[in-house]
C-alpha atoms as a PDB file:
ATOM      1  CA  MET A   1     -21.253 113.889  50.457  1.00  0.00           C
ATOM      2  CA  ALA A   2     -23.131 111.865  47.912  1.00  0.00           C
ATOM      3  CA  ARG A   3     -26.805 112.470  47.193  1.00  0.00           C
ATOM      4  CA  ASP A   4     -29.122 109.554  47.001  1.00  0.00           C
ATOM      5  CA  ASN A   5     -30.802 109.917  43.605  1.00  0.00           C
ATOM      6  CA  LYS A   6     -32.834 106.809  44.141  1.00  0.00           C
ATOM      7  CA  ALA A   7     -35.298 108.548  46.477  1.00  0.00           C
ATOM      8  CA  ASP A   8     -38.967 108.506  45.467  1.00  0.00           C
ATOM      9  CA  PRO A   9     -39.852 111.796  43.702  1.00  0.00           C
ATOM     10  CA  GLY A  10     -43.257 111.700  45.457  1.00  0.00           C
ATOM     11  CA  ASP A  11     -41.601 112.368  48.824  1.00  0.00           C
ATOM     12  CA  ASN A  12     -41.362 116.088  48.054  1.00  0.00           C
ATOM     13  CA  LYS A  13     -45.159 116.596  48.049  1.00  0.00           C
ATOM     14  CA  LEU A  14     -46.588 118.724  50.844  1.00  0.00           C
ATOM     15  CA  ASN A  15     -49.291 117.049  52.932  1.00  0.00           C
ATOM     16  CA  LEU A  16     -52.001 119.683  53.532  1.00  0.00           C
ATOM     17  CA  THR A  17     -54.384 117.433  55.463  1.00  0.00           C
ATOM     18  CA  PRO A  18     -53.320 118.639  58.952  1.00  0.00           C
ATOM     19  CA  CYS A  19     -53.496 122.263  57.806  1.00  0.00           C
ATOM     20  CA  ILE A  20     -57.033 121.816  56.458  1.00  0.00           C
ATOM     21  CA  ASP A  21     -58.077 120.035  59.652  1.00  0.00           C
ATOM     22  CA  MET A  22     -56.730 122.941  61.716  1.00  0.00           C
ATOM     23  CA  VAL A  23     -58.647 125.498  59.608  1.00  0.00           C
ATOM     24  CA  PHE A  24     -61.915 123.602  60.074  1.00  0.00           C
ATOM     25  CA  GLN A  25     -61.317 123.291  63.814  1.00  0.00           C
ATOM     26  CA  LEU A  26     -60.686 127.041  64.076  1.00  0.00           C
ATOM     27  CA  MET A  27     -63.859 127.783  62.100  1.00  0.00           C
ATOM     28  CA  ILE A  28     -65.908 125.588  64.428  1.00  0.00           C
ATOM     29  CA  PHE A  29     -64.293 127.168  67.480  1.00  0.00           C
ATOM     30  CA  PHE A  30     -65.094 130.719  66.366  1.00  0.00           C
ATOM     31  CA  MET A  31     -68.665 129.816  65.442  1.00  0.00           C
ATOM     32  CA  VAL A  32     -69.238 128.272  68.878  1.00  0.00           C
ATOM     33  CA  VAL A  33     -67.694 131.070  70.947  1.00  0.00           C
ATOM     34  CA  SER A  34     -68.996 134.005  68.920  1.00  0.00           C
ATOM     35  CA  ASP A  35     -71.668 136.005  70.726  1.00  0.00           C
ATOM     36  CA  ILE A  36     -74.876 136.027  68.689  1.00  0.00           C
ATOM     37  CA  THR A  37     -77.125 137.375  71.442  1.00  0.00           C
ATOM     38  CA  PRO A  38     -78.678 140.802  70.982  1.00  0.00           C
ATOM     39  CA  VAL A  39     -76.624 143.723  72.194  1.00  0.00           C
ATOM     40  CA  LEU A  40     -78.236 145.115  75.343  1.00  0.00           C
ATOM     41  CA  GLU A  41     -77.340 148.705  76.124  1.00  0.00           C
ATOM     42  CA  ASP A  42     -76.996 149.942  79.693  1.00  0.00           C
ATOM     43  CA  VAL A  43     -80.636 150.866  80.296  1.00  0.00           C
ATOM     44  CA  GLN A  44     -82.393 151.356  83.640  1.00  0.00           C
ATOM     45  CA  LEU A  45     -85.742 149.692  82.993  1.00  0.00           C
ATOM     46  CA  THR A  46     -88.955 151.156  84.370  1.00  0.00           C
ATOM     47  CA  LYS A  47     -90.601 149.391  87.292  1.00  0.00           C
ATOM     48  CA  ALA A  48     -94.168 148.234  86.788  1.00  0.00           C
ATOM     49  CA  SER A  49     -96.464 146.523  89.271  1.00  0.00           C
ATOM     50  CA  GLN A  50     -98.500 144.959  86.442  1.00  0.00           C
ATOM     51  CA  ALA A  51     -95.498 143.664  84.461  1.00  0.00           C
ATOM     52  CA  ASP A  52     -96.079 140.289  82.846  1.00  0.00           C
ATOM     53  CA  THR A  53     -93.410 137.863  83.996  1.00  0.00           C
ATOM     54  CA  ASN A  54     -94.392 135.228  81.455  1.00  0.00           C
ATOM     55  CA  LYS A  55     -91.119 134.412  79.719  1.00  0.00           C
ATOM     56  CA  GLU A  56     -92.805 132.589  76.882  1.00  0.00           C
ATOM     57  CA  THR A  57     -90.411 131.814  74.076  1.00  0.00           C
ATOM     58  CA  ILE A  58     -91.213 133.635  70.863  1.00  0.00           C
ATOM     59  CA  THR A  59     -90.931 131.240  67.950  1.00  0.00           C
ATOM     60  CA  GLU A  60     -91.005 133.963  65.280  1.00  0.00           C
ATOM     61  CA  ARG A  61     -88.171 136.341  64.491  1.00  0.00           C
ATOM     62  CA  SER A  62     -87.629 139.054  67.098  1.00  0.00           C
ATOM     63  CA  ILE A  63     -85.358 142.029  67.685  1.00  0.00           C
ATOM     64  CA  VAL A  64     -84.541 144.253  70.650  1.00  0.00           C
ATOM     65  CA  VAL A  65     -84.638 148.043  70.320  1.00  0.00           C
ATOM     66  CA  ASN A  66     -82.817 149.938  73.076  1.00  0.00           C
ATOM     67  CA  VAL A  67     -83.655 153.561  73.938  1.00  0.00           C
ATOM     68  CA  THR A  68     -80.852 154.933  76.122  1.00  0.00           C
ATOM     69  CA  MET A  69     -81.001 157.650  78.765  1.00  0.00           C
ATOM     70  CA  LYS A  70     -79.591 160.119  76.206  1.00  0.00           C
ATOM     71  CA  GLY A  71     -82.480 159.309  73.866  1.00  0.00           C
ATOM     72  CA  ASP A  72     -80.409 157.287  71.387  1.00  0.00           C
ATOM     73  CA  ILE A  73     -82.319 154.511  69.627  1.00  0.00           C
ATOM     74  CA  LYS A  74     -80.074 151.516  69.027  1.00  0.00           C
ATOM     75  CA  ILE A  75     -80.479 148.111  67.405  1.00  0.00           C
ATOM     76  CA  MET A  76     -77.558 145.712  67.902  1.00  0.00           C
ATOM     77  CA  GLY A  77     -75.408 148.636  69.081  1.00  0.00           C
ATOM     78  CA  THR A  78     -76.072 150.752  65.978  1.00  0.00           C
ATOM     79  CA  LYS A  79     -77.612 154.183  66.570  1.00  0.00           C
ATOM     80  CA  LEU A  80     -80.602 154.767  64.283  1.00  0.00           C
ATOM     81  CA  GLU A  81     -82.943 157.716  63.812  1.00  0.00           C
ATOM     82  CA  GLY A  82     -85.859 158.632  61.556  1.00  0.00           C
ATOM     83  CA  LYS A  83     -85.639 157.079  58.105  1.00  0.00           C
ATOM     84  CA  ALA A  84     -82.704 154.847  59.071  1.00  0.00           C
ATOM     85  CA  LEU A  85     -84.774 153.324  61.894  1.00  0.00           C
ATOM     86  CA  GLU A  86     -87.740 152.762  59.582  1.00  0.00           C
ATOM     87  CA  ASP A  87     -85.501 151.182  56.918  1.00  0.00           C
ATOM     88  CA  ARG A  88     -83.888 148.819  59.445  1.00  0.00           C
ATOM     89  CA  LEU A  89     -87.288 147.741  60.796  1.00  0.00           C
ATOM     90  CA  ALA A  90     -88.556 147.291  57.226  1.00  0.00           C
ATOM     91  CA  ALA A  91     -85.597 145.023  56.451  1.00  0.00           C
ATOM     92  CA  GLU A  92     -86.135 142.983  59.615  1.00  0.00           C
ATOM     93  CA  ALA A  93     -89.884 142.731  58.899  1.00  0.00           C
ATOM     94  CA  SER A  94     -89.284 141.524  55.337  1.00  0.00           C
ATOM     95  CA  VAL A  95     -87.014 138.758  56.627  1.00  0.00           C
ATOM     96  CA  ALA A  96     -89.607 137.722  59.244  1.00  0.00           C
ATOM     97  CA  GLY A  97     -92.391 137.479  56.659  1.00  0.00           C
ATOM     98  CA  VAL A  98     -96.068 138.381  56.847  1.00  0.00           C
ATOM     99  CA  GLU A  99     -99.347 136.710  57.712  1.00  0.00           C
ATOM    100  CA  ASP A 100    -103.046 137.529  57.472  1.00  0.00           C
ATOM    101  CA  ASN A 101    -104.362 140.042  59.981  1.00  0.00           C
ATOM    102  CA  PRO A 102    -107.145 138.331  61.969  1.00  0.00           C
ATOM    103  CA  ASN A 103    -108.697 141.735  62.791  1.00  0.00           C
ATOM    104  CA  ALA A 104    -108.667 143.061  59.215  1.00  0.00           C
ATOM    105  CA  PRO A 105    -109.315 140.390  56.570  1.00  0.00           C
ATOM    106  CA  GLY A 106    -107.292 140.875  53.410  1.00  0.00           C
ATOM    107  CA  LYS A 107    -104.539 142.857  55.135  1.00  0.00           C
ATOM    108  CA  LYS A 108    -101.154 141.492  56.090  1.00  0.00           C
ATOM    109  CA  ILE A 109     -99.089 142.068  59.231  1.00  0.00           C
ATOM    110  CA  SER A 110     -95.479 141.265  59.979  1.00  0.00           C
ATOM    111  CA  LYS A 111     -94.509 138.209  62.018  1.00  0.00           C
ATOM    112  CA  LEU A 112     -91.673 140.231  63.604  1.00  0.00           C
ATOM    113  CA  TRP A 113     -91.681 140.777  67.374  1.00  0.00           C
ATOM    114  CA  VAL A 114     -90.085 144.014  68.649  1.00  0.00           C
ATOM    115  CA  THR A 115     -89.050 144.336  72.289  1.00  0.00           C
ATOM    116  CA  ILE A 116     -88.453 147.945  73.325  1.00  0.00           C
ATOM    117  CA  ARG A 117     -86.075 148.484  76.250  1.00  0.00           C
ATOM    118  CA  GLY A 118     -86.504 152.129  77.217  1.00  0.00           C
ATOM    119  CA  ASP A 119     -84.564 153.835  79.987  1.00  0.00           C
ATOM    120  CA  GLN A 120     -86.805 155.014  82.816  1.00  0.00           C
ATOM    121  CA  ASN A 121     -85.431 158.577  82.485  1.00  0.00           C
ATOM    122  CA  VAL A 122     -85.911 158.988  78.727  1.00  0.00           C
ATOM    123  CA  ALA A 123     -88.727 161.133  77.318  1.00  0.00           C
ATOM    124  CA  TYR A 124     -91.629 159.004  76.094  1.00  0.00           C
ATOM    125  CA  GLU A 125     -91.388 160.796  72.744  1.00  0.00           C
ATOM    126  CA  LYS A 126     -88.324 158.671  71.890  1.00  0.00           C
ATOM    127  CA  ILE A 127     -90.170 155.435  72.647  1.00  0.00           C
ATOM    128  CA  GLN A 128     -93.148 156.722  70.647  1.00  0.00           C
ATOM    129  CA  ASN A 129     -90.788 157.161  67.657  1.00  0.00           C
ATOM    130  CA  VAL A 130     -90.048 153.422  67.793  1.00  0.00           C
ATOM    131  CA  PHE A 131     -93.771 152.576  67.911  1.00  0.00           C
ATOM    132  CA  GLU A 132     -94.436 154.840  64.908  1.00  0.00           C
ATOM    133  CA  ALA A 133     -91.601 153.272  62.904  1.00  0.00           C
ATOM    134  CA  CYS A 134     -93.030 149.824  63.717  1.00  0.00           C
ATOM    135  CA  ALA A 135     -96.532 150.870  62.660  1.00  0.00           C
ATOM    136  CA  LYS A 136     -95.272 152.266  59.327  1.00  0.00           C
ATOM    137  CA  ASN A 137     -93.823 148.830  58.572  1.00  0.00           C
ATOM    138  CA  GLY A 138     -96.851 146.778  59.621  1.00  0.00           C
ATOM    139  CA  ILE A 139     -95.221 145.557  62.824  1.00  0.00           C
ATOM    140  CA  TRP A 140     -97.881 145.227  65.516  1.00  0.00           C
ATOM    141  CA  ARG A 141     -96.221 142.678  67.774  1.00  0.00           C
ATOM    142  CA  THR A 142     -94.440 144.977  70.197  1.00  0.00           C
ATOM    143  CA  ARG A 143     -93.742 144.887  73.891  1.00  0.00           C
ATOM    144  CA  ILE A 144     -91.968 147.103  76.390  1.00  0.00           C
ATOM    145  CA  ALA A 145     -89.449 145.628  78.800  1.00  0.00           C
ATOM    146  CA  ALA A 146     -89.946 146.480  82.476  1.00  0.00           C
ATOM    147  CA  ILE A 147     -88.970 145.226  85.902  1.00  0.00           C
ATOM    148  CA  LYS A 148     -91.746 143.725  88.004  1.00  0.00           C
ATOM    149  CA  GLU A 149     -92.184 145.711  91.180  1.00  0.00           C
ATOM    150  CA  GLU A 150     -93.720 143.985  94.158  1.00  0.00           C
ATOM    151  CA  ILE A 151     -96.451 145.992  95.896  1.00  0.00           C
ATOM    152  CA  GLU A 152     -95.931 146.119  99.649  1.00  0.00           C
END
């Protein structure tokens, strides 16, 4: 069998265009389907007759802190206690930035919002630990999640 030596030597080049297109399509797919919502632990929220149902969108940076029935404090599924909790809140507060405190001229407060989701059966001491860690980092924008209970 004779080989055709007259073939163009450029025919042996590998065309990577389809491969690159596939990589970009996979990157876009994974970015779209990845879950970037906060991790919500299984927490039985407290019922409150005076709960505010205003679901106003917070434009500043916000995080959710979950306090489970066992008393574990978790942010995005990571269990944090003591200094680790304070360090994580400090990091989040530094990313959110600061602004002037309208109640204390010359002092700065964090723009970070912290939503605390505490289980109805957990000791308040655990929720108080979250408030104290927020206060140490200049985070005053906090709120506690609850379920609105209708009064009969």
